[in-house]
mmCIF file of all heavy atoms, coordinates in Angstrom:
data_MODEL
# 
_entry.id   MODEL 
# 
loop_
_atom_site.group_PDB 
_atom_site.id 
_atom_site.type_symbol 
_atom_site.label_atom_id 
_atom_site.label_alt_id 
_atom_site.label_comp_id 
_atom_site.label_asym_id 
_atom_site.label_entity_id 
_atom_site.label_seq_id 
_atom_site.pdbx_PDB_ins_code 
_atom_site.Cartn_x 
_atom_site.Cartn_y 
_atom_site.Cartn_z 
_atom_site.occupancy 
_atom_site.B_iso_or_equiv 
_atom_site.pdbx_formal_charge 
_atom_site.auth_seq_id 
_atom_site.auth_comp_id 
_atom_site.auth_asym_id 
_atom_site.auth_atom_id 
_atom_site.pdbx_PDB_model_num 
ATOM 1   N N   . THR A 1 1  ? 139.422 -120.810 28.906 1.00 0.00 ? 1  THR A N   1 
ATOM 2   C CA  . THR A 1 1  ? 139.137 -120.892 30.334 1.00 0.00 ? 1  THR A CA  1 
ATOM 3   C C   . THR A 1 1  ? 137.650 -120.673 30.587 1.00 0.00 ? 1  THR A C   1 
ATOM 4   O O   . THR A 1 1  ? 136.993 -119.893 29.879 1.00 0.00 ? 1  THR A O   1 
ATOM 5   C CB  . THR A 1 1  ? 139.960 -119.856 31.129 1.00 0.00 ? 1  THR A CB  1 
ATOM 6   O OG1 . THR A 1 1  ? 139.663 -119.975 32.525 1.00 0.00 ? 1  THR A OG1 1 
ATOM 7   C CG2 . THR A 1 1  ? 139.670 -118.439 30.670 1.00 0.00 ? 1  THR A CG2 1 
ATOM 8   N N   . ASP A 1 2  ? 137.139 -121.366 31.596 1.00 0.00 ? 2  ASP A N   1 
ATOM 9   C CA  . ASP A 1 2  ? 135.744 -121.145 31.990 1.00 0.00 ? 2  ASP A CA  1 
ATOM 10  C C   . ASP A 1 2  ? 135.655 -120.174 33.159 1.00 0.00 ? 2  ASP A C   1 
ATOM 11  O O   . ASP A 1 2  ? 134.597 -119.997 33.754 1.00 0.00 ? 2  ASP A O   1 
ATOM 12  C CB  . ASP A 1 2  ? 135.062 -122.466 32.348 1.00 0.00 ? 2  ASP A CB  1 
ATOM 13  C CG  . ASP A 1 2  ? 135.742 -123.186 33.513 1.00 0.00 ? 2  ASP A CG  1 
ATOM 14  O OD1 . ASP A 1 2  ? 136.788 -122.684 34.000 1.00 0.00 ? 2  ASP A OD1 1 
ATOM 15  O OD2 . ASP A 1 2  ? 135.246 -124.251 33.933 1.00 0.00 ? 2  ASP A OD2 1 
ATOM 16  N N   . ARG A 1 3  ? 136.799 -119.537 33.445 1.00 0.00 ? 3  ARG A N   1 
ATOM 17  C CA  . ARG A 1 3  ? 136.822 -118.538 34.529 1.00 0.00 ? 3  ARG A CA  1 
ATOM 18  C C   . ARG A 1 3  ? 137.214 -117.182 33.922 1.00 0.00 ? 3  ARG A C   1 
ATOM 19  O O   . ARG A 1 3  ? 138.226 -116.595 34.256 1.00 0.00 ? 3  ARG A O   1 
ATOM 20  C CB  . ARG A 1 3  ? 137.789 -118.960 35.636 1.00 0.00 ? 3  ARG A CB  1 
ATOM 21  C CG  . ARG A 1 3  ? 137.370 -120.268 36.320 1.00 0.00 ? 3  ARG A CG  1 
ATOM 22  C CD  . ARG A 1 3  ? 138.156 -120.496 37.592 1.00 0.00 ? 3  ARG A CD  1 
ATOM 23  N NE  . ARG A 1 3  ? 139.549 -120.856 37.313 1.00 0.00 ? 3  ARG A NE  1 
ATOM 24  C CZ  . ARG A 1 3  ? 140.479 -120.977 38.273 1.00 0.00 ? 3  ARG A CZ  1 
ATOM 25  N NH1 . ARG A 1 3  ? 140.156 -120.751 39.543 1.00 0.00 ? 3  ARG A NH1 1 
ATOM 26  N NH2 . ARG A 1 3  ? 141.704 -121.329 37.960 1.00 0.00 ? 3  ARG A NH2 1 
ATOM 27  N N   . LEU A 1 4  ? 136.374 -116.738 33.021 1.00 0.00 ? 4  LEU A N   1 
ATOM 28  C CA  . LEU A 1 4  ? 136.629 -115.507 32.271 1.00 0.00 ? 4  LEU A CA  1 
ATOM 29  C C   . LEU A 1 4  ? 135.701 -114.396 32.739 1.00 0.00 ? 4  LEU A C   1 
ATOM 30  O O   . LEU A 1 4  ? 134.496 -114.584 32.824 1.00 0.00 ? 4  LEU A O   1 
ATOM 31  C CB  . LEU A 1 4  ? 136.424 -115.770 30.772 1.00 0.00 ? 4  LEU A CB  1 
ATOM 32  C CG  . LEU A 1 4  ? 136.452 -114.559 29.837 1.00 0.00 ? 4  LEU A CG  1 
ATOM 33  C CD1 . LEU A 1 4  ? 137.824 -113.902 29.843 1.00 0.00 ? 4  LEU A CD1 1 
ATOM 34  C CD2 . LEU A 1 4  ? 136.050 -114.982 28.416 1.00 0.00 ? 4  LEU A CD2 1 
ATOM 35  N N   . THR A 1 5  ? 136.293 -113.232 33.006 1.00 0.00 ? 5  THR A N   1 
ATOM 36  C CA  . THR A 1 5  ? 135.531 -112.030 33.325 1.00 0.00 ? 5  THR A CA  1 
ATOM 37  C C   . THR A 1 5  ? 135.902 -110.950 32.319 1.00 0.00 ? 5  THR A C   1 
ATOM 38  O O   . THR A 1 5  ? 137.091 -110.660 32.129 1.00 0.00 ? 5  THR A O   1 
ATOM 39  C CB  . THR A 1 5  ? 135.835 -111.529 34.751 1.00 0.00 ? 5  THR A CB  1 
ATOM 40  O OG1 . THR A 1 5  ? 135.526 -112.571 35.690 1.00 0.00 ? 5  THR A OG1 1 
ATOM 41  C CG2 . THR A 1 5  ? 135.013 -110.299 35.075 1.00 0.00 ? 5  THR A CG2 1 
ATOM 42  N N   . VAL A 1 6  ? 134.895 -110.375 31.675 1.00 0.00 ? 6  VAL A N   1 
ATOM 43  C CA  . VAL A 1 6  ? 135.119 -109.329 30.688 1.00 0.00 ? 6  VAL A CA  1 
ATOM 44  C C   . VAL A 1 6  ? 134.663 -108.008 31.275 1.00 0.00 ? 6  VAL A C   1 
ATOM 45  O O   . VAL A 1 6  ? 133.488 -107.845 31.631 1.00 0.00 ? 6  VAL A O   1 
ATOM 46  C CB  . VAL A 1 6  ? 134.362 -109.639 29.379 1.00 0.00 ? 6  VAL A CB  1 
ATOM 47  C CG1 . VAL A 1 6  ? 134.556 -108.502 28.375 1.00 0.00 ? 6  VAL A CG1 1 
ATOM 48  C CG2 . VAL A 1 6  ? 134.852 -110.959 28.782 1.00 0.00 ? 6  VAL A CG2 1 
ATOM 49  N N   . LEU A 1 7  ? 135.603 -107.067 31.373 1.00 0.00 ? 7  LEU A N   1 
ATOM 50  C CA  . LEU A 1 7  ? 135.303 -105.743 31.909 1.00 0.00 ? 7  LEU A CA  1 
ATOM 51  C C   . LEU A 1 7  ? 135.283 -104.738 30.771 1.00 0.00 ? 7  LEU A C   1 
ATOM 52  O O   . LEU A 1 7  ? 136.323 -104.446 30.163 1.00 0.00 ? 7  LEU A O   1 
ATOM 53  C CB  . LEU A 1 7  ? 136.354 -105.332 32.947 1.00 0.00 ? 7  LEU A CB  1 
ATOM 54  C CG  . LEU A 1 7  ? 136.567 -106.285 34.135 1.00 0.00 ? 7  LEU A CG  1 
ATOM 55  C CD1 . LEU A 1 7  ? 137.630 -105.728 35.071 1.00 0.00 ? 7  LEU A CD1 1 
ATOM 56  C CD2 . LEU A 1 7  ? 135.255 -106.510 34.873 1.00 0.00 ? 7  LEU A CD2 1 
ATOM 57  N N   . VAL A 1 8  ? 134.112 -104.225 30.466 1.00 0.00 ? 8  VAL A N   1 
ATOM 58  C CA  . VAL A 1 8  ? 133.963 -103.219 29.412 1.00 0.00 ? 8  VAL A CA  1 
ATOM 59  C C   . VAL A 1 8  ? 134.034 -101.852 30.075 1.00 0.00 ? 8  VAL A C   1 
ATOM 60  O O   . VAL A 1 8  ? 133.184 -101.494 30.902 1.00 0.00 ? 8  VAL A O   1 
ATOM 61  C CB  . VAL A 1 8  ? 132.626 -103.389 28.669 1.00 0.00 ? 8  VAL A CB  1 
ATOM 62  C CG1 . VAL A 1 8  ? 132.519 -102.352 27.558 1.00 0.00 ? 8  VAL A CG1 1 
ATOM 63  C CG2 . VAL A 1 8  ? 132.506 -104.792 28.095 1.00 0.00 ? 8  VAL A CG2 1 
ATOM 64  N N   . ALA A 1 9  ? 135.080 -101.084 29.738 1.00 0.00 ? 9  ALA A N   1 
ATOM 65  C CA  . ALA A 1 9  ? 135.306 -99.788  30.393 1.00 0.00 ? 9  ALA A CA  1 
ATOM 66  C C   . ALA A 1 9  ? 134.186 -98.815  30.082 1.00 0.00 ? 9  ALA A C   1 
ATOM 67  O O   . ALA A 1 9  ? 133.515 -98.902  29.038 1.00 0.00 ? 9  ALA A O   1 
ATOM 68  C CB  . ALA A 1 9  ? 136.649 -99.223  29.941 1.00 0.00 ? 9  ALA A CB  1 
ATOM 69  N N   . ALA A 1 10 ? 133.985 -97.881  30.979 1.00 0.00 ? 10 ALA A N   1 
ATOM 70  C CA  . ALA A 1 10 ? 132.977 -96.853  30.793 1.00 0.00 ? 10 ALA A CA  1 
ATOM 71  C C   . ALA A 1 10 ? 133.252 -96.071  29.515 1.00 0.00 ? 10 ALA A C   1 
ATOM 72  O O   . ALA A 1 10 ? 134.397 -95.728  29.215 1.00 0.00 ? 10 ALA A O   1 
ATOM 73  C CB  . ALA A 1 10 ? 132.976 -95.905  31.995 1.00 0.00 ? 10 ALA A CB  1 
ATOM 74  N N   . GLY A 1 11 ? 132.202 -95.819  28.742 1.00 0.00 ? 11 GLY A N   1 
ATOM 75  C CA  . GLY A 1 11 ? 132.328 -95.049  27.509 1.00 0.00 ? 11 GLY A CA  1 
ATOM 76  C C   . GLY A 1 11 ? 132.572 -95.878  26.272 1.00 0.00 ? 11 GLY A C   1 
ATOM 77  O O   . GLY A 1 11 ? 132.538 -95.342  25.159 1.00 0.00 ? 11 GLY A O   1 
ATOM 78  N N   . VAL A 1 12 ? 132.808 -97.187  26.406 1.00 0.00 ? 12 VAL A N   1 
ATOM 79  C CA  . VAL A 1 12 ? 133.027 -98.045  25.247 1.00 0.00 ? 12 VAL A CA  1 
ATOM 80  C C   . VAL A 1 12 ? 131.674 -98.499  24.704 1.00 0.00 ? 12 VAL A C   1 
ATOM 81  O O   . VAL A 1 12 ? 130.873 -99.085  25.433 1.00 0.00 ? 12 VAL A O   1 
ATOM 82  C CB  . VAL A 1 12 ? 133.888 -99.269  25.604 1.00 0.00 ? 12 VAL A CB  1 
ATOM 83  C CG1 . VAL A 1 12 ? 134.029 -100.192 24.398 1.00 0.00 ? 12 VAL A CG1 1 
ATOM 84  C CG2 . VAL A 1 12 ? 135.268 -98.822  26.089 1.00 0.00 ? 12 VAL A CG2 1 
ATOM 85  N N   . GLU A 1 13 ? 131.416 -98.212  23.449 1.00 0.00 ? 13 GLU A N   1 
ATOM 86  C CA  . GLU A 1 13 ? 130.136 -98.578  22.842 1.00 0.00 ? 13 GLU A CA  1 
ATOM 87  C C   . GLU A 1 13 ? 130.166 -100.048 22.419 1.00 0.00 ? 13 GLU A C   1 
ATOM 88  O O   . GLU A 1 13 ? 131.048 -100.471 21.681 1.00 0.00 ? 13 GLU A O   1 
ATOM 89  C CB  . GLU A 1 13 ? 129.856 -97.691  21.630 1.00 0.00 ? 13 GLU A CB  1 
ATOM 90  C CG  . GLU A 1 13 ? 129.666 -96.217  21.977 1.00 0.00 ? 13 GLU A CG  1 
ATOM 91  C CD  . GLU A 1 13 ? 129.303 -95.381  20.764 1.00 0.00 ? 13 GLU A CD  1 
ATOM 92  O OE1 . GLU A 1 13 ? 129.125 -95.970  19.676 1.00 0.00 ? 13 GLU A OE1 1 
ATOM 93  O OE2 . GLU A 1 13 ? 129.208 -94.146  20.900 1.00 0.00 ? 13 GLU A OE2 1 
ATOM 94  N N   . VAL A 1 14 ? 129.205 -100.812 22.919 1.00 0.00 ? 14 VAL A N   1 
ATOM 95  C CA  . VAL A 1 14 ? 129.124 -102.229 22.589 1.00 0.00 ? 14 VAL A CA  1 
ATOM 96  C C   . VAL A 1 14 ? 127.697 -102.573 22.182 1.00 0.00 ? 14 VAL A C   1 
ATOM 97  O O   . VAL A 1 14 ? 126.747 -101.857 22.518 1.00 0.00 ? 14 VAL A O   1 
ATOM 98  C CB  . VAL A 1 14 ? 129.563 -103.101 23.780 1.00 0.00 ? 14 VAL A CB  1 
ATOM 99  C CG1 . VAL A 1 14 ? 131.048 -102.927 24.054 1.00 0.00 ? 14 VAL A CG1 1 
ATOM 100 C CG2 . VAL A 1 14 ? 128.753 -102.757 25.023 1.00 0.00 ? 14 VAL A CG2 1 
ATOM 101 N N   . ASP A 1 15 ? 127.567 -103.675 21.467 1.00 0.00 ? 15 ASP A N   1 
ATOM 102 C CA  . ASP A 1 15 ? 126.266 -104.121 20.997 1.00 0.00 ? 15 ASP A CA  1 
ATOM 103 C C   . ASP A 1 15 ? 125.596 -104.984 22.073 1.00 0.00 ? 15 ASP A C   1 
ATOM 104 O O   . ASP A 1 15 ? 126.167 -105.978 22.530 1.00 0.00 ? 15 ASP A O   1 
ATOM 105 C CB  . ASP A 1 15 ? 126.456 -104.934 19.708 1.00 0.00 ? 15 ASP A CB  1 
ATOM 106 C CG  . ASP A 1 15 ? 125.135 -105.393 19.143 1.00 0.00 ? 15 ASP A CG  1 
ATOM 107 O OD1 . ASP A 1 15 ? 124.428 -104.550 18.563 1.00 0.00 ? 15 ASP A OD1 1 
ATOM 108 O OD2 . ASP A 1 15 ? 124.837 -106.596 19.285 1.00 0.00 ? 15 ASP A OD2 1 
ATOM 109 N N   . ASP A 1 16 ? 124.385 -104.591 22.470 1.00 0.00 ? 16 ASP A N   1 
ATOM 110 C CA  . ASP A 1 16 ? 123.698 -105.310 23.541 1.00 0.00 ? 16 ASP A CA  1 
ATOM 111 C C   . ASP A 1 16 ? 123.447 -106.763 23.173 1.00 0.00 ? 16 ASP A C   1 
ATOM 112 O O   . ASP A 1 16 ? 123.555 -107.664 24.015 1.00 0.00 ? 16 ASP A O   1 
ATOM 113 C CB  . ASP A 1 16 ? 122.370 -104.620 23.871 1.00 0.00 ? 16 ASP A CB  1 
ATOM 114 C CG  . ASP A 1 16 ? 122.575 -103.281 24.581 1.00 0.00 ? 16 ASP A CG  1 
ATOM 115 O OD1 . ASP A 1 16 ? 123.681 -103.090 25.135 1.00 0.00 ? 16 ASP A OD1 1 
ATOM 116 O OD2 . ASP A 1 16 ? 121.656 -102.443 24.565 1.00 0.00 ? 16 ASP A OD2 1 
ATOM 117 N N   . ALA A 1 17 ? 123.137 -107.034 21.916 1.00 0.00 ? 17 ALA A N   1 
ATOM 118 C CA  . ALA A 1 17 ? 122.887 -108.409 21.497 1.00 0.00 ? 17 ALA A CA  1 
ATOM 119 C C   . ALA A 1 17 ? 124.146 -109.265 21.633 1.00 0.00 ? 17 ALA A C   1 
ATOM 120 O O   . ALA A 1 17 ? 124.083 -110.438 22.024 1.00 0.00 ? 17 ALA A O   1 
ATOM 121 C CB  . ALA A 1 17 ? 122.381 -108.432 20.064 1.00 0.00 ? 17 ALA A CB  1 
ATOM 122 N N   . GLU A 1 18 ? 125.271 -108.657 21.311 1.00 0.00 ? 18 GLU A N   1 
ATOM 123 C CA  . GLU A 1 18 ? 126.540 -109.383 21.442 1.00 0.00 ? 18 GLU A CA  1 
ATOM 124 C C   . GLU A 1 18 ? 126.820 -109.701 22.907 1.00 0.00 ? 18 GLU A C   1 
ATOM 125 O O   . GLU A 1 18 ? 127.251 -110.810 23.246 1.00 0.00 ? 18 GLU A O   1 
ATOM 126 C CB  . GLU A 1 18 ? 127.683 -108.532 20.844 1.00 0.00 ? 18 GLU A CB  1 
ATOM 127 C CG  . GLU A 1 18 ? 129.012 -109.257 20.761 1.00 0.00 ? 18 GLU A CG  1 
ATOM 128 C CD  . GLU A 1 18 ? 130.095 -108.421 20.076 1.00 0.00 ? 18 GLU A CD  1 
ATOM 129 O OE1 . GLU A 1 18 ? 129.840 -107.234 19.766 1.00 0.00 ? 18 GLU A OE1 1 
ATOM 130 O OE2 . GLU A 1 18 ? 131.193 -108.955 19.855 1.00 0.00 ? 18 GLU A OE2 1 
ATOM 131 N N   . LEU A 1 19 ? 126.564 -108.733 23.762 1.00 0.00 ? 19 LEU A N   1 
ATOM 132 C CA  . LEU A 1 19 ? 126.760 -108.974 25.198 1.00 0.00 ? 19 LEU A CA  1 
ATOM 133 C C   . LEU A 1 19 ? 125.838 -110.078 25.695 1.00 0.00 ? 19 LEU A C   1 
ATOM 134 O O   . LEU A 1 19 ? 126.234 -110.918 26.519 1.00 0.00 ? 19 LEU A O   1 
ATOM 135 C CB  . LEU A 1 19 ? 126.511 -107.695 25.986 1.00 0.00 ? 19 LEU A CB  1 
ATOM 136 C CG  . LEU A 1 19 ? 127.483 -106.532 25.728 1.00 0.00 ? 19 LEU A CG  1 
ATOM 137 C CD1 . LEU A 1 19 ? 127.100 -105.328 26.577 1.00 0.00 ? 19 LEU A CD1 1 
ATOM 138 C CD2 . LEU A 1 19 ? 128.920 -106.942 26.019 1.00 0.00 ? 19 LEU A CD2 1 
ATOM 139 N N   . ALA A 1 20 ? 124.599 -110.081 25.201 1.00 0.00 ? 20 ALA A N   1 
ATOM 140 C CA  . ALA A 1 20 ? 123.641 -111.103 25.623 1.00 0.00 ? 20 ALA A CA  1 
ATOM 141 C C   . ALA A 1 20 ? 124.102 -112.493 25.199 1.00 0.00 ? 20 ALA A C   1 
ATOM 142 O O   . ALA A 1 20 ? 123.957 -113.473 25.951 1.00 0.00 ? 20 ALA A O   1 
ATOM 143 C CB  . ALA A 1 20 ? 122.266 -110.794 25.038 1.00 0.00 ? 20 ALA A CB  1 
ATOM 144 N N   . THR A 1 21 ? 124.675 -112.590 24.009 1.00 0.00 ? 21 THR A N   1 
ATOM 145 C CA  . THR A 1 21 ? 125.192 -113.884 23.539 1.00 0.00 ? 21 THR A CA  1 
ATOM 146 C C   . THR A 1 21 ? 126.310 -114.382 24.446 1.00 0.00 ? 21 THR A C   1 
ATOM 147 O O   . THR A 1 21 ? 126.371 -115.569 24.791 1.00 0.00 ? 21 THR A O   1 
ATOM 148 C CB  . THR A 1 21 ? 125.700 -113.756 22.086 1.00 0.00 ? 21 THR A CB  1 
ATOM 149 O OG1 . THR A 1 21 ? 124.620 -113.368 21.246 1.00 0.00 ? 21 THR A OG1 1 
ATOM 150 C CG2 . THR A 1 21 ? 126.286 -115.075 21.600 1.00 0.00 ? 21 THR A CG2 1 
ATOM 151 N N   . MET A 1 22 ? 127.179 -113.458 24.834 1.00 0.00 ? 22 MET A N   1 
ATOM 152 C CA  . MET A 1 22 ? 128.283 -113.836 25.718 1.00 0.00 ? 22 MET A CA  1 
ATOM 153 C C   . MET A 1 22 ? 127.756 -114.297 27.073 1.00 0.00 ? 22 MET A C   1 
ATOM 154 O O   . MET A 1 22 ? 128.202 -115.323 27.618 1.00 0.00 ? 22 MET A O   1 
ATOM 155 C CB  . MET A 1 22 ? 129.234 -112.642 25.896 1.00 0.00 ? 22 MET A CB  1 
ATOM 156 C CG  . MET A 1 22 ? 129.958 -112.224 24.639 1.00 0.00 ? 22 MET A CG  1 
ATOM 157 S SD  . MET A 1 22 ? 130.961 -110.755 24.918 1.00 0.00 ? 22 MET A SD  1 
ATOM 158 C CE  . MET A 1 22 ? 131.480 -110.404 23.248 1.00 0.00 ? 22 MET A CE  1 
ATOM 159 N N   . ALA A 1 23 ? 126.848 -113.539 27.618 1.00 0.00 ? 23 ALA A N   1 
ATOM 160 C CA  . ALA A 1 23 ? 126.300 -113.886 28.930 1.00 0.00 ? 23 ALA A CA  1 
ATOM 161 C C   . ALA A 1 23 ? 125.601 -115.241 28.885 1.00 0.00 ? 23 ALA A C   1 
ATOM 162 O O   . ALA A 1 23 ? 125.721 -116.059 29.806 1.00 0.00 ? 23 ALA A O   1 
ATOM 163 C CB  . ALA A 1 23 ? 125.342 -112.797 29.397 1.00 0.00 ? 23 ALA A CB  1 
ATOM 164 N N   . ALA A 1 24 ? 124.864 -115.487 27.794 1.00 0.00 ? 24 ALA A N   1 
ATOM 165 C CA  . ALA A 1 24 ? 124.163 -116.760 27.668 1.00 0.00 ? 24 ALA A CA  1 
ATOM 166 C C   . ALA A 1 24 ? 125.133 -117.934 27.579 1.00 0.00 ? 24 ALA A C   1 
ATOM 167 O O   . ALA A 1 24 ? 124.795 -119.070 27.942 1.00 0.00 ? 24 ALA A O   1 
ATOM 168 C CB  . ALA A 1 24 ? 123.257 -116.734 26.445 1.00 0.00 ? 24 ALA A CB  1 
ATOM 169 N N   . ALA A 1 25 ? 126.353 -117.651 27.105 1.00 0.00 ? 25 ALA A N   1 
ATOM 170 C CA  . ALA A 1 25 ? 127.374 -118.690 26.991 1.00 0.00 ? 25 ALA A CA  1 
ATOM 171 C C   . ALA A 1 25 ? 128.184 -118.843 28.273 1.00 0.00 ? 25 ALA A C   1 
ATOM 172 O O   . ALA A 1 25 ? 129.178 -119.581 28.293 1.00 0.00 ? 25 ALA A O   1 
ATOM 173 C CB  . ALA A 1 25 ? 128.304 -118.372 25.826 1.00 0.00 ? 25 ALA A CB  1 
ATOM 174 N N   . GLY A 1 26 ? 127.793 -118.121 29.321 1.00 0.00 ? 26 GLY A N   1 
ATOM 175 C CA  . GLY A 1 26 ? 128.451 -118.282 30.609 1.00 0.00 ? 26 GLY A CA  1 
ATOM 176 C C   . GLY A 1 26 ? 129.596 -117.332 30.872 1.00 0.00 ? 26 GLY A C   1 
ATOM 177 O O   . GLY A 1 26 ? 130.334 -117.496 31.854 1.00 0.00 ? 26 GLY A O   1 
ATOM 178 N N   . VAL A 1 27 ? 129.739 -116.312 30.043 1.00 0.00 ? 27 VAL A N   1 
ATOM 179 C CA  . VAL A 1 27 ? 130.816 -115.343 30.255 1.00 0.00 ? 27 VAL A CA  1 
ATOM 180 C C   . VAL A 1 27 ? 130.330 -114.265 31.215 1.00 0.00 ? 27 VAL A C   1 
ATOM 181 O O   . VAL A 1 27 ? 129.232 -113.717 31.052 1.00 0.00 ? 27 VAL A O   1 
ATOM 182 C CB  . VAL A 1 27 ? 131.259 -114.709 28.924 1.00 0.00 ? 27 VAL A CB  1 
ATOM 183 C CG1 . VAL A 1 27 ? 132.352 -113.664 29.164 1.00 0.00 ? 27 VAL A CG1 1 
ATOM 184 C CG2 . VAL A 1 27 ? 131.757 -115.777 27.954 1.00 0.00 ? 27 VAL A CG2 1 
ATOM 185 N N   . ASP A 1 28 ? 131.137 -113.951 32.206 1.00 0.00 ? 28 ASP A N   1 
ATOM 186 C CA  . ASP A 1 28 ? 130.827 -112.892 33.162 1.00 0.00 ? 28 ASP A CA  1 
ATOM 187 C C   . ASP A 1 28 ? 131.214 -111.559 32.528 1.00 0.00 ? 28 ASP A C   1 
ATOM 188 O O   . ASP A 1 28 ? 132.399 -111.201 32.475 1.00 0.00 ? 28 ASP A O   1 
ATOM 189 C CB  . ASP A 1 28 ? 131.607 -113.124 34.455 1.00 0.00 ? 28 ASP A CB  1 
ATOM 190 C CG  . ASP A 1 28 ? 131.320 -112.066 35.519 1.00 0.00 ? 28 ASP A CG  1 
ATOM 191 O OD1 . ASP A 1 28 ? 130.451 -111.200 35.286 1.00 0.00 ? 28 ASP A OD1 1 
ATOM 192 O OD2 . ASP A 1 28 ? 131.980 -112.105 36.577 1.00 0.00 ? 28 ASP A OD2 1 
ATOM 193 N N   . VAL A 1 29 ? 130.226 -110.837 32.005 1.00 0.00 ? 29 VAL A N   1 
ATOM 194 C CA  . VAL A 1 29 ? 130.475 -109.571 31.328 1.00 0.00 ? 29 VAL A CA  1 
ATOM 195 C C   . VAL A 1 29 ? 129.970 -108.432 32.212 1.00 0.00 ? 29 VAL A C   1 
ATOM 196 O O   . VAL A 1 29 ? 128.815 -108.438 32.659 1.00 0.00 ? 29 VAL A O   1 
ATOM 197 C CB  . VAL A 1 29 ? 129.758 -109.516 29.965 1.00 0.00 ? 29 VAL A CB  1 
ATOM 198 C CG1 . VAL A 1 29 ? 130.098 -108.209 29.241 1.00 0.00 ? 29 VAL A CG1 1 
ATOM 199 C CG2 . VAL A 1 29 ? 130.151 -110.699 29.097 1.00 0.00 ? 29 VAL A CG2 1 
# 
């Protein structure tokens, strides 16, 4: 789907570079 929203809960450790890749691909993170 191109209507995807990813909600990362507070306290979950994620990689900023990975998030940037997702955002660049059009994912609403």
